[in-house]
Amino acid sequence: MPVVIINMLEGRTRQMKRELIKKVTDAVVESLKVNPESVRVIINEISKENFAVAGLPIEEYRQKKENGLLEMKTIKKTNEK
C-alpha cells in the first residue's frame, strides 16, 4: 500500500487539492503498477506562521525576495568518502 505524504502551505482550494490527489494517485499507479484503491494520499497543510525558508518565516522570505533583498550564498560541496 503506497502512501504519499504531501506537506504544503495552506490556502489551496478544495478543487486544487482534489486534482493534486488524482494526479499523484495516477502517477503512483503508473509507476508502481498498483491498483488505485491501494494508494493513499495525505495532505498536511502548514500555516504560514509555521513554515520558513532560509531561516525566515515564509512571508518575510517572499517579501525580501520580491524586493531583491535576499543574499544568496552558494555552498561548495566536496566529494568525501
PDB file of N, CA and C in Angstrom:
ATOM      1  N   MET A   1       0.844  -1.177   0.000  1.00  0.00           N
ATOM      2  CA  MET A   1       0.000   0.000   0.000  1.00  0.00           C
ATOM      3  C   MET A   1       0.892   1.244   0.000  1.00  0.00           C
ATOM      4  N   PRO A   2       1.073   1.870  -1.148  1.00  0.00           N
ATOM      5  CA  PRO A   2       1.864   3.105  -1.195  1.00  0.00           C
ATOM      6  C   PRO A   2       1.134   4.248  -0.479  1.00  0.00           C
ATOM      7  N   VAL A   3       1.879   4.992   0.312  1.00  0.00           N
ATOM      8  CA  VAL A   3       1.345   6.166   0.995  1.00  0.00           C
ATOM      9  C   VAL A   3       2.188   7.363   0.577  1.00  0.00           C
ATOM     10  N   VAL A   4       1.531   8.373   0.037  1.00  0.00           N
ATOM     11  CA  VAL A   4       2.211   9.594  -0.383  1.00  0.00           C
ATOM     12  C   VAL A   4       1.801  10.698   0.581  1.00  0.00           C
ATOM     13  N   ILE A   5       2.793  11.345   1.190  1.00  0.00           N
ATOM     14  CA  ILE A   5       2.520  12.435   2.124  1.00  0.00           C
ATOM     15  C   ILE A   5       3.000  13.732   1.493  1.00  0.00           C
ATOM     16  N   ILE A   6       2.093  14.690   1.392  1.00  0.00           N
ATOM     17  CA  ILE A   6       2.401  15.979   0.781  1.00  0.00           C
ATOM     18  C   ILE A   6       2.275  17.054   1.854  1.00  0.00           C
ATOM     19  N   ASN A   7       3.360  17.766   2.096  1.00  0.00           N
ATOM     20  CA  ASN A   7       3.345  18.906   3.008  1.00  0.00           C
ATOM     21  C   ASN A   7       3.341  20.166   2.162  1.00  0.00           C
ATOM     22  N   MET A   8       2.372  21.039   2.390  1.00  0.00           N
ATOM     23  CA  MET A   8       2.308  22.273   1.607  1.00  0.00           C
ATOM     24  C   MET A   8       1.643  23.371   2.421  1.00  0.00           C
ATOM     25  N   LEU A   9       1.897  24.590   1.994  1.00  0.00           N
ATOM     26  CA  LEU A   9       1.267  25.725   2.658  1.00  0.00           C
ATOM     27  C   LEU A   9      -0.239  25.677   2.462  1.00  0.00           C
ATOM     28  N   GLU A  10      -0.960  26.091   3.479  1.00  0.00           N
ATOM     29  CA  GLU A  10      -2.412  26.145   3.370  1.00  0.00           C
ATOM     30  C   GLU A  10      -2.818  27.226   2.375  1.00  0.00           C
ATOM     31  N   GLY A  11      -4.038  27.116   1.884  1.00  0.00           N
ATOM     32  CA  GLY A  11      -4.557  28.161   1.020  1.00  0.00           C
ATOM     33  C   GLY A  11      -5.019  27.681  -0.347  1.00  0.00           C
ATOM     34  N   ARG A  12      -4.752  26.422  -0.687  1.00  0.00           N
ATOM     35  CA  ARG A  12      -5.232  25.915  -1.976  1.00  0.00           C
ATOM     36  C   ARG A  12      -6.718  25.595  -1.858  1.00  0.00           C
ATOM     37  N   THR A  13      -7.411  25.669  -2.978  1.00  0.00           N
ATOM     38  CA  THR A  13      -8.839  25.370  -2.973  1.00  0.00           C
ATOM     39  C   THR A  13      -9.062  23.870  -2.877  1.00  0.00           C
ATOM     40  N   ARG A  14     -10.263  23.501  -2.519  1.00  0.00           N
ATOM     41  CA  ARG A  14     -10.637  22.084  -2.457  1.00  0.00           C
ATOM     42  C   ARG A  14     -10.435  21.426  -3.823  1.00  0.00           C
ATOM     43  N   GLN A  15     -10.822  22.143  -4.886  1.00  0.00           N
ATOM     44  CA  GLN A  15     -10.675  21.598  -6.242  1.00  0.00           C
ATOM     45  C   GLN A  15      -9.200  21.366  -6.587  1.00  0.00           C
ATOM     46  N   MET A  16      -8.336  22.281  -6.222  1.00  0.00           N
ATOM     47  CA  MET A  16      -6.902  22.115  -6.486  1.00  0.00           C
ATOM     48  C   MET A  16      -6.363  20.879  -5.776  1.00  0.00           C
ATOM     49  N   LYS A  17      -6.793  20.672  -4.546  1.00  0.00           N
ATOM     50  CA  LYS A  17      -6.324  19.506  -3.788  1.00  0.00           C
ATOM     51  C   LYS A  17      -6.871  18.208  -4.376  1.00  0.00           C
ATOM     52  N   ARG A  18      -8.113  18.227  -4.821  1.00  0.00           N
ATOM     53  CA  ARG A  18      -8.695  17.038  -5.461  1.00  0.00           C
ATOM     54  C   ARG A  18      -7.922  16.677  -6.725  1.00  0.00           C
ATOM     55  N   GLU A  19      -7.577  17.696  -7.504  1.00  0.00           N
ATOM     56  CA  GLU A  19      -6.812  17.473  -8.731  1.00  0.00           C
ATOM     57  C   GLU A  19      -5.418  16.928  -8.409  1.00  0.00           C
ATOM     58  N   LEU A  20      -4.786  17.480  -7.399  1.00  0.00           N
ATOM     59  CA  LEU A  20      -3.471  17.003  -6.970  1.00  0.00           C
ATOM     60  C   LEU A  20      -3.545  15.538  -6.546  1.00  0.00           C
ATOM     61  N   ILE A  21      -4.536  15.203  -5.742  1.00  0.00           N
ATOM     62  CA  ILE A  21      -4.706  13.828  -5.278  1.00  0.00           C
ATOM     63  C   ILE A  21      -4.882  12.881  -6.459  1.00  0.00           C
ATOM     64  N   LYS A  22      -5.700  13.265  -7.420  1.00  0.00           N
ATOM     65  CA  LYS A  22      -5.935  12.422  -8.603  1.00  0.00           C
ATOM     66  C   LYS A  22      -4.655  12.215  -9.393  1.00  0.00           C
ATOM     67  N   LYS A  23      -3.917  13.295  -9.641  1.00  0.00           N
ATOM     68  CA  LYS A  23      -2.696  13.191 -10.444  1.00  0.00           C
ATOM     69  C   LYS A  23      -1.600  12.408  -9.721  1.00  0.00           C
ATOM     70  N   VAL A  24      -1.488  12.603  -8.422  1.00  0.00           N
ATOM     71  CA  VAL A  24      -0.497  11.850  -7.647  1.00  0.00           C
ATOM     72  C   VAL A  24      -0.864  10.366  -7.658  1.00  0.00           C
ATOM     73  N   THR A  25      -2.130  10.069  -7.449  1.00  0.00           N
ATOM     74  CA  THR A  25      -2.582   8.674  -7.477  1.00  0.00           C
ATOM     75  C   THR A  25      -2.292   8.045  -8.832  1.00  0.00           C
ATOM     76  N   ASP A  26      -2.626   8.745  -9.909  1.00  0.00           N
ATOM     77  CA  ASP A  26      -2.363   8.231 -11.256  1.00  0.00           C
ATOM     78  C   ASP A  26      -0.876   7.967 -11.472  1.00  0.00           C
ATOM     79  N   ALA A  27      -0.031   8.859 -10.989  1.00  0.00           N
ATOM     80  CA  ALA A  27       1.421   8.696 -11.153  1.00  0.00           C
ATOM     81  C   ALA A  27       1.927   7.472 -10.385  1.00  0.00           C
ATOM     82  N   VAL A  28       1.409   7.264  -9.185  1.00  0.00           N
ATOM     83  CA  VAL A  28       1.822   6.108  -8.386  1.00  0.00           C
ATOM     84  C   VAL A  28       1.341   4.815  -9.050  1.00  0.00           C
ATOM     85  N   VAL A  29       0.108   4.808  -9.518  1.00  0.00           N
ATOM     86  CA  VAL A  29      -0.443   3.629 -10.197  1.00  0.00           C
ATOM     87  C   VAL A  29       0.410   3.270 -11.405  1.00  0.00           C
ATOM     88  N   GLU A  30       0.735   4.269 -12.213  1.00  0.00           N
ATOM     89  CA  GLU A  30       1.536   4.027 -13.417  1.00  0.00           C
ATOM     90  C   GLU A  30       2.961   3.594 -13.069  1.00  0.00           C
ATOM     91  N   SER A  31       3.569   4.255 -12.120  1.00  0.00           N
ATOM     92  CA  SER A  31       4.968   3.977 -11.772  1.00  0.00           C
ATOM     93  C   SER A  31       5.160   2.635 -11.075  1.00  0.00           C
ATOM     94  N   LEU A  32       4.264   2.326 -10.149  1.00  0.00           N
ATOM     95  CA  LEU A  32       4.437   1.127  -9.324  1.00  0.00           C
ATOM     96  C   LEU A  32       3.571  -0.054  -9.764  1.00  0.00           C
ATOM     97  N   LYS A  33       2.731   0.178 -10.777  1.00  0.00           N
ATOM     98  CA  LYS A  33       1.850  -0.889 -11.289  1.00  0.00           C
ATOM     99  C   LYS A  33       0.978  -1.469 -10.174  1.00  0.00           C
ATOM    100  N   VAL A  34       0.304  -0.576  -9.453  1.00  0.00           N
ATOM    101  CA  VAL A  34      -0.595  -0.983  -8.375  1.00  0.00           C
ATOM    102  C   VAL A  34      -2.010  -0.510  -8.694  1.00  0.00           C
ATOM    103  N   ASN A  35      -2.978  -1.037  -7.969  1.00  0.00           N
ATOM    104  CA  ASN A  35      -4.364  -0.608  -8.133  1.00  0.00           C
ATOM    105  C   ASN A  35      -4.573   0.741  -7.451  1.00  0.00           C
ATOM    106  N   PRO A  36      -5.397   1.602  -8.031  1.00  0.00           N
ATOM    107  CA  PRO A  36      -5.663   2.906  -7.404  1.00  0.00           C
ATOM    108  C   PRO A  36      -6.192   2.779  -5.971  1.00  0.00           C
ATOM    109  N   GLU A  37      -6.940   1.710  -5.709  1.00  0.00           N
ATOM    110  CA  GLU A  37      -7.520   1.510  -4.381  1.00  0.00           C
ATOM    111  C   GLU A  37      -6.462   1.300  -3.302  1.00  0.00           C
ATOM    112  N   SER A  38      -5.261   0.939  -3.720  1.00  0.00           N
ATOM    113  CA  SER A  38      -4.200   0.697  -2.733  1.00  0.00           C
ATOM    114  C   SER A  38      -3.399   1.958  -2.405  1.00  0.00           C
ATOM    115  N   VAL A  39      -3.625   3.022  -3.151  1.00  0.00           N
ATOM    116  CA  VAL A  39      -2.840   4.253  -2.984  1.00  0.00           C
ATOM    117  C   VAL A  39      -3.507   5.162  -1.950  1.00  0.00           C
ATOM    118  N   ARG A  40      -2.705   5.648  -1.030  1.00  0.00           N
ATOM    119  CA  ARG A  40      -3.174   6.601  -0.021  1.00  0.00           C
ATOM    120  C   ARG A  40      -2.425   7.912  -0.210  1.00  0.00           C
ATOM    121  N   VAL A  41      -3.142   9.017  -0.156  1.00  0.00           N
ATOM    122  CA  VAL A  41      -2.528  10.341  -0.265  1.00  0.00           C
ATOM    123  C   VAL A  41      -2.936  11.136   0.968  1.00  0.00           C
ATOM    124  N   ILE A  42      -1.952  11.685   1.644  1.00  0.00           N
ATOM    125  CA  ILE A  42      -2.190  12.501   2.834  1.00  0.00           C
ATOM    126  C   ILE A  42      -1.658  13.896   2.549  1.00  0.00           C
ATOM    127  N   ILE A  43      -2.506  14.889   2.723  1.00  0.00           N
ATOM    128  CA  ILE A  43      -2.077  16.279   2.548  1.00  0.00           C
ATOM    129  C   ILE A  43      -2.032  16.938   3.921  1.00  0.00           C
ATOM    130  N   ASN A  44      -0.862  17.409   4.288  1.00  0.00           N
ATOM    131  CA  ASN A  44      -0.684  18.186   5.513  1.00  0.00           C
ATOM    132  C   ASN A  44      -0.571  19.647   5.112  1.00  0.00           C
ATOM    133  N   GLU A  45      -1.526  20.441   5.544  1.00  0.00           N
ATOM    134  CA  GLU A  45      -1.480  21.867   5.240  1.00  0.00           C
ATOM    135  C   GLU A  45      -0.810  22.596   6.402  1.00  0.00           C
ATOM    136  N   ILE A  46       0.202  23.354   6.060  1.00  0.00           N
ATOM    137  CA  ILE A  46       1.005  24.044   7.061  1.00  0.00           C
ATOM    138  C   ILE A  46       0.671  25.536   7.017  1.00  0.00           C
ATOM    139  N   SER A  47       0.435  26.113   8.177  1.00  0.00           N
ATOM    140  CA  SER A  47       0.153  27.550   8.215  1.00  0.00           C
ATOM    141  C   SER A  47       1.432  28.326   7.911  1.00  0.00           C
ATOM    142  N   LYS A  48       1.264  29.512   7.373  1.00  0.00           N
ATOM    143  CA  LYS A  48       2.422  30.337   7.005  1.00  0.00           C
ATOM    144  C   LYS A  48       3.289  30.671   8.208  1.00  0.00           C
ATOM    145  N   GLU A  49       2.683  30.744   9.374  1.00  0.00           N
ATOM    146  CA  GLU A  49       3.470  31.060  10.572  1.00  0.00           C
ATOM    147  C   GLU A  49       4.336  29.886  11.017  1.00  0.00           C
ATOM    148  N   ASN A  50       4.058  28.706  10.489  1.00  0.00           N
ATOM    149  CA  ASN A  50       4.832  27.514  10.846  1.00  0.00           C
ATOM    150  C   ASN A  50       5.698  27.008   9.700  1.00  0.00           C
ATOM    151  N   PHE A  51       6.005  27.873   8.750  1.00  0.00           N
ATOM    152  CA  PHE A  51       6.790  27.478   7.581  1.00  0.00           C
ATOM    153  C   PHE A  51       7.865  28.527   7.342  1.00  0.00           C
ATOM    154  N   ALA A  52       9.100  28.071   7.150  1.00  0.00           N
ATOM    155  CA  ALA A  52      10.212  29.005   6.951  1.00  0.00           C
ATOM    156  C   ALA A  52      11.092  28.540   5.801  1.00  0.00           C
ATOM    157  N   VAL A  53      11.755  29.498   5.178  1.00  0.00           N
ATOM    158  CA  VAL A  53      12.717  29.235   4.107  1.00  0.00           C
ATOM    159  C   VAL A  53      13.967  30.046   4.416  1.00  0.00           C
ATOM    160  N   ALA A  54      15.104  29.412   4.356  1.00  0.00           N
ATOM    161  CA  ALA A  54      16.388  30.088   4.573  1.00  0.00           C
ATOM    162  C   ALA A  54      16.432  30.826   5.911  1.00  0.00           C
ATOM    163  N   GLY A  55      15.794  30.244   6.915  1.00  0.00           N
ATOM    164  CA  GLY A  55      15.829  30.830   8.244  1.00  0.00           C
ATOM    165  C   GLY A  55      14.866  31.981   8.468  1.00  0.00           C
ATOM    166  N   LEU A  56      13.961  32.207   7.512  1.00  0.00           N
ATOM    167  CA  LEU A  56      12.998  33.303   7.631  1.00  0.00           C
ATOM    168  C   LEU A  56      11.577  32.762   7.521  1.00  0.00           C
ATOM    169  N   PRO A  57      10.638  33.347   8.279  1.00  0.00           N
ATOM    170  CA  PRO A  57       9.237  32.979   8.064  1.00  0.00           C
ATOM    171  C   PRO A  57       8.888  33.220   6.591  1.00  0.00           C
ATOM    172  N   ILE A  58       8.055  32.373   6.016  1.00  0.00           N
ATOM    173  CA  ILE A  58       7.796  32.406   4.578  1.00  0.00           C
ATOM    174  C   ILE A  58       7.356  33.786   4.084  1.00  0.00           C
ATOM    175  N   GLU A  59       6.530  34.481   4.837  1.00  0.00           N
ATOM    176  CA  GLU A  59       6.071  35.806   4.406  1.00  0.00           C
ATOM    177  C   GLU A  59       7.241  36.785   4.299  1.00  0.00           C
ATOM    178  N   GLU A  60       8.126  36.750   5.294  1.00  0.00           N
ATOM    179  CA  GLU A  60       9.297  37.631   5.277  1.00  0.00           C
ATOM    180  C   GLU A  60      10.235  37.255   4.136  1.00  0.00           C
ATOM    181  N   TYR A  61      10.427  35.957   3.937  1.00  0.00           N
ATOM    182  CA  TYR A  61      11.284  35.481   2.843  1.00  0.00           C
ATOM    183  C   TYR A  61      10.753  35.966   1.496  1.00  0.00           C
ATOM    184  N   ARG A  62       9.455  35.799   1.268  1.00  0.00           N
ATOM    185  CA  ARG A  62       8.850  36.216  -0.008  1.00  0.00           C
ATOM    186  C   ARG A  62       8.985  37.721  -0.221  1.00  0.00           C
ATOM    187  N   GLN A  63       8.768  38.482   0.836  1.00  0.00           N
ATOM    188  CA  GLN A  63       8.867  39.937   0.737  1.00  0.00           C
ATOM    189  C   GLN A  63      10.295  40.357   0.384  1.00  0.00           C
ATOM    190  N   LYS A  64      11.274  39.765   1.055  1.00  0.00           N
ATOM    191  CA  LYS A  64      12.668  40.110   0.767  1.00  0.00           C
ATOM    192  C   LYS A  64      13.052  39.678  -0.644  1.00  0.00           C
ATOM    193  N   LYS A  65      12.591  38.523  -1.061  1.00  0.00           N
ATOM    194  CA  LYS A  65      12.895  38.028  -2.403  1.00  0.00           C
ATOM    195  C   LYS A  65      12.302  38.968  -3.453  1.00  0.00           C
ATOM    196  N   GLU A  66      11.060  39.366  -3.226  1.00  0.00           N
ATOM    197  CA  GLU A  66      10.362  40.270  -4.143  1.00  0.00           C
ATOM    198  C   GLU A  66      11.084  41.612  -4.260  1.00  0.00           C
ATOM    199  N   ASN A  67      11.660  42.071  -3.169  1.00  0.00           N
ATOM    200  CA  ASN A  67      12.347  43.363  -3.146  1.00  0.00           C
ATOM    201  C   ASN A  67      13.836  43.252  -3.448  1.00  0.00           C
ATOM    202  N   GLY A  68      14.291  42.046  -3.804  1.00  0.00           N
ATOM    203  CA  GLY A  68      15.696  41.845  -4.144  1.00  0.00           C
ATOM    204  C   GLY A  68      16.632  41.980  -2.962  1.00  0.00           C
ATOM    205  N   LEU A  69      16.144  41.681  -1.774  1.00  0.00           N
ATOM    206  CA  LEU A  69      16.943  41.870  -0.567  1.00  0.00           C
ATOM    207  C   LEU A  69      17.548  40.580  -0.013  1.00  0.00           C
ATOM    208  N   LEU A  70      17.428  39.501  -0.760  1.00  0.00           N
ATOM    209  CA  LEU A  70      17.995  38.237  -0.287  1.00  0.00           C
ATOM    210  C   LEU A  70      19.420  38.087  -0.767  1.00  0.00           C
ATOM    211  N   GLU A  71      20.265  37.694   0.149  1.00  0.00           N
ATOM    212  CA  GLU A  71      21.658  37.420  -0.200  1.00  0.00           C
ATOM    213  C   GLU A  71      21.773  35.920  -0.402  1.00  0.00           C
ATOM    214  N   MET A  72      22.045  35.522  -1.629  1.00  0.00           N
ATOM    215  CA  MET A  72      22.169  34.099  -1.934  1.00  0.00           C
ATOM    216  C   MET A  72      23.614  33.658  -1.767  1.00  0.00           C
ATOM    217  N   LYS A  73      23.797  32.602  -1.011  1.00  0.00           N
ATOM    218  CA  LYS A  73      25.132  32.052  -0.805  1.00  0.00           C
ATOM    219  C   LYS A  73      25.182  30.670  -1.429  1.00  0.00           C
ATOM    220  N   THR A  74      26.274  30.372  -2.072  1.00  0.00           N
ATOM    221  CA  THR A  74      26.471  29.048  -2.647  1.00  0.00           C
ATOM    222  C   THR A  74      27.422  28.277  -1.758  1.00  0.00           C
ATOM    223  N   ILE A  75      27.018  27.091  -1.414  1.00  0.00           N
ATOM    224  CA  ILE A  75      27.869  26.236  -0.591  1.00  0.00           C
ATOM    225  C   ILE A  75      28.549  25.244  -1.515  1.00  0.00           C
ATOM    226  N   LYS A  76      29.868  25.260  -1.467  1.00  0.00           N
ATOM    227  CA  LYS A  76      30.630  24.349  -2.307  1.00  0.00           C
ATOM    228  C   LYS A  76      30.694  22.991  -1.626  1.00  0.00           C
ATOM    229  N   LYS A  77      30.245  21.980  -2.356  1.00  0.00           N
ATOM    230  CA  LYS A  77      30.265  20.627  -1.809  1.00  0.00           C
ATOM    231  C   LYS A  77      31.515  19.909  -2.282  1.00  0.00           C
ATOM    232  N   THR A  78      32.022  19.078  -1.416  1.00  0.00           N
ATOM    233  CA  THR A  78      33.177  18.261  -1.785  1.00  0.00           C
ATOM    234  C   THR A  78      32.770  16.803  -1.717  1.00  0.00           C
ATOM    235  N   ASN A  79      33.388  16.010  -2.534  1.00  0.00           N
ATOM    236  CA  ASN A  79      33.117  14.572  -2.513  1.00  0.00           C
ATOM    237  C   ASN A  79      34.030  13.911  -1.501  1.00  0.00           C
ATOM    238  N   GLU A  80      33.461  13.585  -0.375  1.00  0.00           N
ATOM    239  CA  GLU A  80      34.232  12.923   0.675  1.00  0.00           C
ATOM    240  C   GLU A  80      33.783  11.475   0.766  1.00  0.00           C
ATOM    241  N   LYS A  81      34.750  10.601   0.878  1.00  0.00           N
ATOM    242  CA  LYS A  81      34.409   9.178   1.004  1.00  0.00           C
ATOM    243  C   LYS A  81      35.019   8.609   2.252  1.00  0.00           C
TER     244      LYS A  81
END
